[in-house]
């Protein structure tokens, strides 16, 4: 398994319960695929550096995890089609 880091921003016009269910959905993709979450940080609502899709704020989430590349590909696919996500980035963690 390789180490990865994903940072994603959730829209602010949805309810807090839906924010939590979105976070749990992405955690489930990692763990159901045999991955292991080593660190999870829900950073809360923050102002964006610039407007994205008419949003000025977003709920930031940072996750460090170990997984196979197939799990990361599935996570990437689901994040691309998810309406709740404004922006995301998945990188290999070298630390």
PDB file of N, CA and C in Angstrom:
ATOM      1  N   UNK A   1       0.843  -1.190   0.000  1.00  0.00           N
ATOM      2  CA  UNK A   1       0.000   0.000   0.000  1.00  0.00           C
ATOM      3  C   UNK A   1       0.882   1.246   0.000  1.00  0.00           C
ATOM      4  N   UNK A   2       0.366   2.279  -0.623  1.00  0.00           N
ATOM      5  CA  UNK A   2       1.076   3.551  -0.698  1.00  0.00           C
ATOM      6  C   UNK A   2       0.378   4.584   0.185  1.00  0.00           C
ATOM      7  N   UNK A   3       1.135   5.609   0.554  1.00  0.00           N
ATOM      8  CA  UNK A   3       0.575   6.697   1.365  1.00  0.00           C
ATOM      9  C   UNK A   3       0.050   7.792   0.444  1.00  0.00           C
ATOM     10  N   UNK A   4      -1.127   8.288   0.772  1.00  0.00           N
ATOM     11  CA  UNK A   4      -1.752   9.360  -0.002  1.00  0.00           C
ATOM     12  C   UNK A   4      -2.312  10.420   0.938  1.00  0.00           C
ATOM     13  N   UNK A   5      -2.555  11.581   0.347  1.00  0.00           N
ATOM     14  CA  UNK A   5      -3.198  12.680   1.061  1.00  0.00           C
ATOM     15  C   UNK A   5      -4.258  13.252   0.127  1.00  0.00           C
ATOM     16  N   UNK A   6      -5.441  13.474   0.649  1.00  0.00           N
ATOM     17  CA  UNK A   6      -6.502  14.101  -0.141  1.00  0.00           C
ATOM     18  C   UNK A   6      -7.050  15.294   0.638  1.00  0.00           C
ATOM     19  N   UNK A   7      -7.183  16.407  -0.069  1.00  0.00           N
ATOM     20  CA  UNK A   7      -7.813  17.606   0.482  1.00  0.00           C
ATOM     21  C   UNK A   7      -9.005  17.896  -0.411  1.00  0.00           C
ATOM     22  N   UNK A   8     -10.179  18.052   0.207  1.00  0.00           N
ATOM     23  CA  UNK A   8     -11.342  18.407  -0.593  1.00  0.00           C
ATOM     24  C   UNK A   8     -12.167  19.461   0.112  1.00  0.00           C
ATOM     25  N   UNK A   9     -12.922  20.210  -0.690  1.00  0.00           N
ATOM     26  CA  UNK A   9     -13.737  21.315  -0.194  1.00  0.00           C
ATOM     27  C   UNK A   9     -15.196  21.002  -0.514  1.00  0.00           C
ATOM     28  N   UNK A  10     -16.024  21.015   0.521  1.00  0.00           N
ATOM     29  CA  UNK A  10     -17.452  20.724   0.382  1.00  0.00           C
ATOM     30  C   UNK A  10     -18.225  22.042   0.341  1.00  0.00           C
ATOM     31  N   UNK A  11     -19.252  22.088  -0.491  1.00  0.00           N
ATOM     32  CA  UNK A  11     -20.090  23.283  -0.624  1.00  0.00           C
ATOM     33  C   UNK A  11     -20.677  23.702   0.723  1.00  0.00           C
ATOM     34  N   UNK A  12     -20.943  24.985   0.872  1.00  0.00           N
ATOM     35  CA  UNK A  12     -21.490  25.489   2.135  1.00  0.00           C
ATOM     36  C   UNK A  12     -23.008  25.639   2.120  1.00  0.00           C
ATOM     37  N   UNK A  13     -23.646  25.420   0.989  1.00  0.00           N
ATOM     38  CA  UNK A  13     -25.099  25.600   0.926  1.00  0.00           C
ATOM     39  C   UNK A  13     -25.871  24.323   1.251  1.00  0.00           C
ATOM     40  N   UNK A  14     -25.200  23.334   1.842  1.00  0.00           N
ATOM     41  CA  UNK A  14     -25.871  22.099   2.249  1.00  0.00           C
ATOM     42  C   UNK A  14     -25.885  22.012   3.773  1.00  0.00           C
ATOM     43  N   UNK A  15     -26.779  21.191   4.310  1.00  0.00           N
ATOM     44  CA  UNK A  15     -26.922  21.047   5.758  1.00  0.00           C
ATOM     45  C   UNK A  15     -25.694  20.368   6.369  1.00  0.00           C
ATOM     46  N   UNK A  16     -25.473  20.594   7.660  1.00  0.00           N
ATOM     47  CA  UNK A  16     -24.332  20.009   8.368  1.00  0.00           C
ATOM     48  C   UNK A  16     -24.394  18.479   8.362  1.00  0.00           C
ATOM     49  N   UNK A  17     -25.604  17.919   8.439  1.00  0.00           N
ATOM     50  CA  UNK A  17     -25.745  16.461   8.399  1.00  0.00           C
ATOM     51  C   UNK A  17     -25.287  15.904   7.053  1.00  0.00           C
ATOM     52  N   UNK A  18     -25.563  16.642   5.986  1.00  0.00           N
ATOM     53  CA  UNK A  18     -25.141  16.204   4.660  1.00  0.00           C
ATOM     54  C   UNK A  18     -23.630  16.346   4.496  1.00  0.00           C
ATOM     55  N   UNK A  19     -23.036  17.336   5.141  1.00  0.00           N
ATOM     56  CA  UNK A  19     -21.573  17.463   5.138  1.00  0.00           C
ATOM     57  C   UNK A  19     -20.967  16.233   5.800  1.00  0.00           C
ATOM     58  N   UNK A  20     -21.515  15.842   6.950  1.00  0.00           N
ATOM     59  CA  UNK A  20     -21.006  14.674   7.673  1.00  0.00           C
ATOM     60  C   UNK A  20     -21.190  13.397   6.858  1.00  0.00           C
ATOM     61  N   UNK A  21     -22.331  13.249   6.194  1.00  0.00           N
ATOM     62  CA  UNK A  21     -22.557  12.041   5.389  1.00  0.00           C
ATOM     63  C   UNK A  21     -21.632  12.004   4.175  1.00  0.00           C
ATOM     64  N   UNK A  22     -21.290  13.162   3.622  1.00  0.00           N
ATOM     65  CA  UNK A  22     -20.337  13.220   2.512  1.00  0.00           C
ATOM     66  C   UNK A  22     -18.959  12.782   2.972  1.00  0.00           C
ATOM     67  N   UNK A  23     -18.536  13.259   4.137  1.00  0.00           N
ATOM     68  CA  UNK A  23     -17.241  12.861   4.699  1.00  0.00           C
ATOM     69  C   UNK A  23     -17.221  11.355   4.942  1.00  0.00           C
ATOM     70  N   UNK A  24     -18.298  10.821   5.507  1.00  0.00           N
ATOM     71  CA  UNK A  24     -18.377   9.381   5.780  1.00  0.00           C
ATOM     72  C   UNK A  24     -18.388   8.563   4.492  1.00  0.00           C
ATOM     73  N   UNK A  25     -19.005   9.096   3.441  1.00  0.00           N
ATOM     74  CA  UNK A  25     -19.039   8.397   2.155  1.00  0.00           C
ATOM     75  C   UNK A  25     -17.621   8.213   1.613  1.00  0.00           C
ATOM     76  N   UNK A  26     -16.813   9.266   1.669  1.00  0.00           N
ATOM     77  CA  UNK A  26     -15.447   9.171   1.144  1.00  0.00           C
ATOM     78  C   UNK A  26     -14.551   8.333   2.049  1.00  0.00           C
ATOM     79  N   UNK A  27     -14.784   8.383   3.356  1.00  0.00           N
ATOM     80  CA  UNK A  27     -14.048   7.496   4.262  1.00  0.00           C
ATOM     81  C   UNK A  27     -14.393   6.042   3.959  1.00  0.00           C
ATOM     82  N   UNK A  28     -15.660   5.778   3.657  1.00  0.00           N
ATOM     83  CA  UNK A  28     -16.099   4.426   3.338  1.00  0.00           C
ATOM     84  C   UNK A  28     -15.461   3.886   2.070  1.00  0.00           C
ATOM     85  N   UNK A  29     -15.277   4.731   1.077  1.00  0.00           N
ATOM     86  CA  UNK A  29     -14.622   4.295  -0.158  1.00  0.00           C
ATOM     87  C   UNK A  29     -13.206   3.826   0.139  1.00  0.00           C
ATOM     88  N   UNK A  30     -12.507   4.561   1.000  1.00  0.00           N
ATOM     89  CA  UNK A  30     -11.126   4.196   1.347  1.00  0.00           C
ATOM     90  C   UNK A  30     -11.096   2.901   2.150  1.00  0.00           C
ATOM     91  N   UNK A  31     -11.896   2.820   3.206  1.00  0.00           N
ATOM     92  CA  UNK A  31     -11.843   1.652   4.089  1.00  0.00           C
ATOM     93  C   UNK A  31     -12.440   0.405   3.445  1.00  0.00           C
ATOM     94  N   UNK A  32     -13.504   0.553   2.658  1.00  0.00           N
ATOM     95  CA  UNK A  32     -14.102  -0.606   1.991  1.00  0.00           C
ATOM     96  C   UNK A  32     -13.194  -1.181   0.917  1.00  0.00           C
ATOM     97  N   UNK A  33     -12.296  -0.362   0.389  1.00  0.00           N
ATOM     98  CA  UNK A  33     -11.348  -0.831  -0.612  1.00  0.00           C
ATOM     99  C   UNK A  33     -10.095  -1.426  -0.006  1.00  0.00           C
ATOM    100  N   UNK A  34     -10.060  -1.554   1.316  1.00  0.00           N
ATOM    101  CA  UNK A  34      -8.902  -2.133   1.983  1.00  0.00           C
ATOM    102  C   UNK A  34      -7.887  -1.105   2.435  1.00  0.00           C
ATOM    103  N   UNK A  35      -8.220   0.165   2.325  1.00  0.00           N
ATOM    104  CA  UNK A  35      -7.314   1.228   2.759  1.00  0.00           C
ATOM    105  C   UNK A  35      -7.422   1.489   4.251  1.00  0.00           C
ATOM    106  N   UNK A  36      -6.478   2.259   4.745  1.00  0.00           N
ATOM    107  CA  UNK A  36      -6.431   2.592   6.174  1.00  0.00           C
ATOM    108  C   UNK A  36      -6.252   4.102   6.318  1.00  0.00           C
ATOM    109  N   UNK A  37      -7.164   4.742   7.038  1.00  0.00           N
ATOM    110  CA  UNK A  37      -7.071   6.180   7.276  1.00  0.00           C
ATOM    111  C   UNK A  37      -6.158   6.406   8.472  1.00  0.00           C
ATOM    112  N   UNK A  38      -5.073   7.152   8.261  1.00  0.00           N
ATOM    113  CA  UNK A  38      -4.118   7.404   9.337  1.00  0.00           C
ATOM    114  C   UNK A  38      -4.382   8.729  10.047  1.00  0.00           C
ATOM    115  N   UNK A  39      -4.954   9.702   9.318  1.00  0.00           N
ATOM    116  CA  UNK A  39      -5.264  10.994   9.932  1.00  0.00           C
ATOM    117  C   UNK A  39      -6.444  11.604   9.187  1.00  0.00           C
ATOM    118  N   UNK A  40      -7.378  12.152   9.947  1.00  0.00           N
ATOM    119  CA  UNK A  40      -8.555  12.794   9.361  1.00  0.00           C
ATOM    120  C   UNK A  40      -8.762  14.118  10.069  1.00  0.00           C
ATOM    121  N   UNK A  41      -8.867  15.196   9.308  1.00  0.00           N
ATOM    122  CA  UNK A  41      -9.008  16.521   9.895  1.00  0.00           C
ATOM    123  C   UNK A  41     -10.120  17.280   9.176  1.00  0.00           C
ATOM    124  N   UNK A  42     -11.245  17.462   9.865  1.00  0.00           N
ATOM    125  CA  UNK A  42     -12.329  18.291   9.347  1.00  0.00           C
ATOM    126  C   UNK A  42     -12.015  19.713   9.801  1.00  0.00           C
ATOM    127  N   UNK A  43     -11.503  20.520   8.885  1.00  0.00           N
ATOM    128  CA  UNK A  43     -10.975  21.836   9.228  1.00  0.00           C
ATOM    129  C   UNK A  43     -12.059  22.897   9.385  1.00  0.00           C
ATOM    130  N   UNK A  44     -13.276  22.569   8.993  1.00  0.00           N
ATOM    131  CA  UNK A  44     -14.382  23.500   9.169  1.00  0.00           C
ATOM    132  C   UNK A  44     -14.548  24.451   7.993  1.00  0.00           C
ATOM    133  N   UNK A  45     -15.423  25.420   8.196  1.00  0.00           N
ATOM    134  CA  UNK A  45     -15.747  26.381   7.142  1.00  0.00           C
ATOM    135  C   UNK A  45     -14.668  27.454   7.079  1.00  0.00           C
ATOM    136  N   UNK A  46     -14.136  27.655   5.870  1.00  0.00           N
ATOM    137  CA  UNK A  46     -13.100  28.668   5.657  1.00  0.00           C
ATOM    138  C   UNK A  46     -13.378  29.414   4.360  1.00  0.00           C
ATOM    139  N   UNK A  47     -12.829  30.602   4.281  1.00  0.00           N
ATOM    140  CA  UNK A  47     -12.960  31.411   3.073  1.00  0.00           C
ATOM    141  C   UNK A  47     -12.011  30.872   2.008  1.00  0.00           C
ATOM    142  N   UNK A  48     -12.511  30.812   0.775  1.00  0.00           N
ATOM    143  CA  UNK A  48     -11.689  30.381  -0.351  1.00  0.00           C
ATOM    144  C   UNK A  48     -10.777  31.523  -0.798  1.00  0.00           C
ATOM    145  N   UNK A  49      -9.656  31.186  -1.406  1.00  0.00           N
ATOM    146  CA  UNK A  49      -8.735  32.207  -1.904  1.00  0.00           C
ATOM    147  C   UNK A  49      -9.370  32.988  -3.055  1.00  0.00           C
ATOM    148  N   UNK A  50     -10.211  32.315  -3.825  1.00  0.00           N
ATOM    149  CA  UNK A  50     -10.937  32.953  -4.912  1.00  0.00           C
ATOM    150  C   UNK A  50     -12.265  32.216  -5.097  1.00  0.00           C
ATOM    151  N   UNK A  51     -13.192  32.853  -5.763  1.00  0.00           N
ATOM    152  CA  UNK A  51     -14.524  32.284  -5.937  1.00  0.00           C
ATOM    153  C   UNK A  51     -14.473  31.065  -6.864  1.00  0.00           C
ATOM    154  N   UNK A  52     -15.108  29.971  -6.427  1.00  0.00           N
ATOM    155  CA  UNK A  52     -15.197  28.750  -7.225  1.00  0.00           C
ATOM    156  C   UNK A  52     -16.673  28.389  -7.349  1.00  0.00           C
ATOM    157  N   UNK A  53     -17.157  28.291  -8.573  1.00  0.00           N
ATOM    158  CA  UNK A  53     -18.560  27.944  -8.827  1.00  0.00           C
ATOM    159  C   UNK A  53     -19.522  28.810  -8.003  1.00  0.00           C
ATOM    160  N   UNK A  54     -19.235  30.083  -7.907  1.00  0.00           N
ATOM    161  CA  UNK A  54     -20.034  31.076  -7.181  1.00  0.00           C
ATOM    162  C   UNK A  54     -20.040  30.865  -5.666  1.00  0.00           C
ATOM    163  N   UNK A  55     -19.081  30.123  -5.145  1.00  0.00           N
ATOM    164  CA  UNK A  55     -18.937  29.942  -3.702  1.00  0.00           C
ATOM    165  C   UNK A  55     -17.715  30.711  -3.220  1.00  0.00           C
ATOM    166  N   UNK A  56     -17.872  31.398  -2.095  1.00  0.00           N
ATOM    167  CA  UNK A  56     -16.751  32.119  -1.491  1.00  0.00           C
ATOM    168  C   UNK A  56     -16.196  31.393  -0.263  1.00  0.00           C
ATOM    169  N   UNK A  57     -16.969  30.443   0.291  1.00  0.00           N
ATOM    170  CA  UNK A  57     -16.560  29.673   1.465  1.00  0.00           C
ATOM    171  C   UNK A  57     -16.714  28.190   1.157  1.00  0.00           C
ATOM    172  N   UNK A  58     -16.061  27.363   1.987  1.00  0.00           N
ATOM    173  CA  UNK A  58     -16.198  25.923   1.833  1.00  0.00           C
ATOM    174  C   UNK A  58     -15.782  25.205   3.099  1.00  0.00           C
ATOM    175  N   UNK A  59     -16.266  23.980   3.270  1.00  0.00           N
ATOM    176  CA  UNK A  59     -15.866  23.125   4.389  1.00  0.00           C
ATOM    177  C   UNK A  59     -14.644  22.322   3.937  1.00  0.00           C
ATOM    178  N   UNK A  60     -13.503  22.592   4.548  1.00  0.00           N
ATOM    179  CA  UNK A  60     -12.252  21.932   4.170  1.00  0.00           C
ATOM    180  C   UNK A  60     -12.084  20.625   4.938  1.00  0.00           C
ATOM    181  N   UNK A  61     -11.643  19.577   4.230  1.00  0.00           N
ATOM    182  CA  UNK A  61     -11.387  18.270   4.835  1.00  0.00           C
ATOM    183  C   UNK A  61     -10.035  17.772   4.327  1.00  0.00           C
ATOM    184  N   UNK A  62      -9.184  17.321   5.259  1.00  0.00           N
ATOM    185  CA  UNK A  62      -7.867  16.778   4.926  1.00  0.00           C
ATOM    186  C   UNK A  62      -7.783  15.358   5.464  1.00  0.00           C
ATOM    187  N   UNK A  63      -7.390  14.405   4.599  1.00  0.00           N
ATOM    188  CA  UNK A  63      -7.305  13.001   4.995  1.00  0.00           C
ATOM    189  C   UNK A  63      -5.972  12.426   4.523  1.00  0.00           C
ATOM    190  N   UNK A  64      -5.241  11.788   5.441  1.00  0.00           N
ATOM    191  CA  UNK A  64      -4.043  11.014   5.112  1.00  0.00           C
ATOM    192  C   UNK A  64      -4.443   9.551   5.203  1.00  0.00           C
ATOM    193  N   UNK A  65      -4.056   8.756   4.193  1.00  0.00           N
ATOM    194  CA  UNK A  65      -4.451   7.347   4.206  1.00  0.00           C
ATOM    195  C   UNK A  65      -3.459   6.492   3.433  1.00  0.00           C
ATOM    196  N   UNK A  66      -3.504   5.190   3.713  1.00  0.00           N
ATOM    197  CA  UNK A  66      -2.723   4.194   2.992  1.00  0.00           C
ATOM    198  C   UNK A  66      -3.704   3.370   2.176  1.00  0.00           C
ATOM    199  N   UNK A  67      -3.400   3.173   0.887  1.00  0.00           N
ATOM    200  CA  UNK A  67      -4.308   2.408   0.030  1.00  0.00           C
ATOM    201  C   UNK A  67      -3.592   1.975  -1.242  1.00  0.00           C
ATOM    202  N   UNK A  68      -4.238   1.063  -1.939  1.00  0.00           N
ATOM    203  CA  UNK A  68      -3.760   0.620  -3.245  1.00  0.00           C
ATOM    204  C   UNK A  68      -4.182   1.651  -4.304  1.00  0.00           C
ATOM    205  N   UNK A  69      -3.465   1.721  -5.412  1.00  0.00           N
ATOM    206  CA  UNK A  69      -3.822   2.684  -6.468  1.00  0.00           C
ATOM    207  C   UNK A  69      -5.245   2.528  -7.008  1.00  0.00           C
ATOM    208  N   UNK A  70      -5.791   1.324  -7.002  1.00  0.00           N
ATOM    209  CA  UNK A  70      -7.163   1.121  -7.484  1.00  0.00           C
ATOM    210  C   UNK A  70      -8.176   1.846  -6.596  1.00  0.00           C
ATOM    211  N   UNK A  71      -7.911   1.892  -5.299  1.00  0.00           N
ATOM    212  CA  UNK A  71      -8.799   2.599  -4.366  1.00  0.00           C
ATOM    213  C   UNK A  71      -8.750   4.099  -4.643  1.00  0.00           C
ATOM    214  N   UNK A  72      -7.558   4.601  -4.915  1.00  0.00           N
ATOM    215  CA  UNK A  72      -7.396   6.025  -5.213  1.00  0.00           C
ATOM    216  C   UNK A  72      -8.106   6.376  -6.524  1.00  0.00           C
ATOM    217  N   UNK A  73      -8.037   5.493  -7.502  1.00  0.00           N
ATOM    218  CA  UNK A  73      -8.733   5.724  -8.771  1.00  0.00           C
ATOM    219  C   UNK A  73     -10.246   5.784  -8.557  1.00  0.00           C
ATOM    220  N   UNK A  74     -10.775   4.907  -7.716  1.00  0.00           N
ATOM    221  CA  UNK A  74     -12.212   4.918  -7.414  1.00  0.00           C
ATOM    222  C   UNK A  74     -12.600   6.186  -6.650  1.00  0.00           C
ATOM    223  N   UNK A  75     -11.774   6.598  -5.687  1.00  0.00           N
ATOM    224  CA  UNK A  75     -12.023   7.828  -4.934  1.00  0.00           C
ATOM    225  C   UNK A  75     -12.037   9.025  -5.883  1.00  0.00           C
ATOM    226  N   UNK A  76     -11.091   9.077  -6.797  1.00  0.00           N
ATOM    227  CA  UNK A  76     -11.011  10.150  -7.785  1.00  0.00           C
ATOM    228  C   UNK A  76     -12.265  10.167  -8.663  1.00  0.00           C
ATOM    229  N   UNK A  77     -12.710   9.004  -9.105  1.00  0.00           N
ATOM    230  CA  UNK A  77     -13.891   8.906  -9.963  1.00  0.00           C
ATOM    231  C   UNK A  77     -15.140   9.420  -9.247  1.00  0.00           C
ATOM    232  N   UNK A  78     -15.314   9.017  -7.987  1.00  0.00           N
ATOM    233  CA  UNK A  78     -16.500   9.425  -7.233  1.00  0.00           C
ATOM    234  C   UNK A  78     -16.459  10.916  -6.908  1.00  0.00           C
ATOM    235  N   UNK A  79     -15.283  11.445  -6.594  1.00  0.00           N
ATOM    236  CA  UNK A  79     -15.179  12.876  -6.293  1.00  0.00           C
ATOM    237  C   UNK A  79     -15.464  13.729  -7.521  1.00  0.00           C
ATOM    238  N   UNK A  80     -15.086  13.250  -8.697  1.00  0.00           N
ATOM    239  CA  UNK A  80     -15.350  14.002  -9.927  1.00  0.00           C
ATOM    240  C   UNK A  80     -16.842  14.180 -10.176  1.00  0.00           C
ATOM    241  N   UNK A  81     -17.639  13.165  -9.858  1.00  0.00           N
ATOM    242  CA  UNK A  81     -19.072  13.230 -10.170  1.00  0.00           C
ATOM    243  C   UNK A  81     -19.926  13.680  -8.987  1.00  0.00           C
ATOM    244  N   UNK A  82     -19.307  13.922  -7.840  1.00  0.00           N
ATOM    245  CA  UNK A  82     -20.045  14.321  -6.649  1.00  0.00           C
ATOM    246  C   UNK A  82     -20.407  15.807  -6.714  1.00  0.00           C
ATOM    247  N   UNK A  83     -21.683  16.109  -6.521  1.00  0.00           N
ATOM    248  CA  UNK A  83     -22.142  17.496  -6.551  1.00  0.00           C
ATOM    249  C   UNK A  83     -21.741  18.274  -5.300  1.00  0.00           C
ATOM    250  N   UNK A  84     -21.467  17.576  -4.197  1.00  0.00           N
ATOM    251  CA  UNK A  84     -21.145  18.251  -2.942  1.00  0.00           C
ATOM    252  C   UNK A  84     -19.733  18.838  -2.938  1.00  0.00           C
ATOM    253  N   UNK A  85     -18.855  18.329  -3.794  1.00  0.00           N
ATOM    254  CA  UNK A  85     -17.451  18.730  -3.789  1.00  0.00           C
ATOM    255  C   UNK A  85     -17.232  19.898  -4.748  1.00  0.00           C
ATOM    256  N   UNK A  86     -16.619  20.975  -4.225  1.00  0.00           N
ATOM    257  CA  UNK A  86     -16.270  22.118  -5.063  1.00  0.00           C
ATOM    258  C   UNK A  86     -14.930  21.859  -5.754  1.00  0.00           C
ATOM    259  N   UNK A  87     -13.957  21.408  -4.982  1.00  0.00           N
ATOM    260  CA  UNK A  87     -12.605  21.177  -5.490  1.00  0.00           C
ATOM    261  C   UNK A  87     -11.946  20.101  -4.650  1.00  0.00           C
ATOM    262  N   UNK A  88     -11.035  19.325  -5.247  1.00  0.00           N
ATOM    263  CA  UNK A  88     -10.303  18.299  -4.505  1.00  0.00           C
ATOM    264  C   UNK A  88      -8.936  18.084  -5.130  1.00  0.00           C
ATOM    265  N   UNK A  89      -8.031  17.504  -4.346  1.00  0.00           N
ATOM    266  CA  UNK A  89      -6.692  17.184  -4.830  1.00  0.00           C
ATOM    267  C   UNK A  89      -6.204  15.952  -4.086  1.00  0.00           C
ATOM    268  N   UNK A  90      -5.758  14.948  -4.842  1.00  0.00           N
ATOM    269  CA  UNK A  90      -5.196  13.726  -4.268  1.00  0.00           C
ATOM    270  C   UNK A  90      -3.732  13.664  -4.675  1.00  0.00           C
ATOM    271  N   UNK A  91      -2.836  13.523  -3.691  1.00  0.00           N
ATOM    272  CA  UNK A  91      -1.400  13.434  -3.970  1.00  0.00           C
ATOM    273  C   UNK A  91      -0.787  12.291  -3.180  1.00  0.00           C
ATOM    274  N   UNK A  92       0.344  11.775  -3.684  1.00  0.00           N
ATOM    275  CA  UNK A  92       1.104  10.794  -2.923  1.00  0.00           C
ATOM    276  C   UNK A  92       1.776  11.521  -1.777  1.00  0.00           C
ATOM    277  N   UNK A  93       1.738  10.930  -0.600  1.00  0.00           N
ATOM    278  CA  UNK A  93       2.357  11.514   0.590  1.00  0.00           C
ATOM    279  C   UNK A  93       3.771  10.968   0.691  1.00  0.00           C
ATOM    280  N   UNK A  94       4.771  11.838   0.609  1.00  0.00           N
ATOM    281  CA  UNK A  94       6.164  11.393   0.639  1.00  0.00           C
ATOM    282  C   UNK A  94       6.736  11.375   2.044  1.00  0.00           C
ATOM    283  N   UNK A  95       6.012  11.904   3.008  1.00  0.00           N
ATOM    284  CA  UNK A  95       6.515  11.957   4.388  1.00  0.00           C
ATOM    285  C   UNK A  95       6.362  10.634   5.095  1.00  0.00           C
TER     286      UNK A  95
END
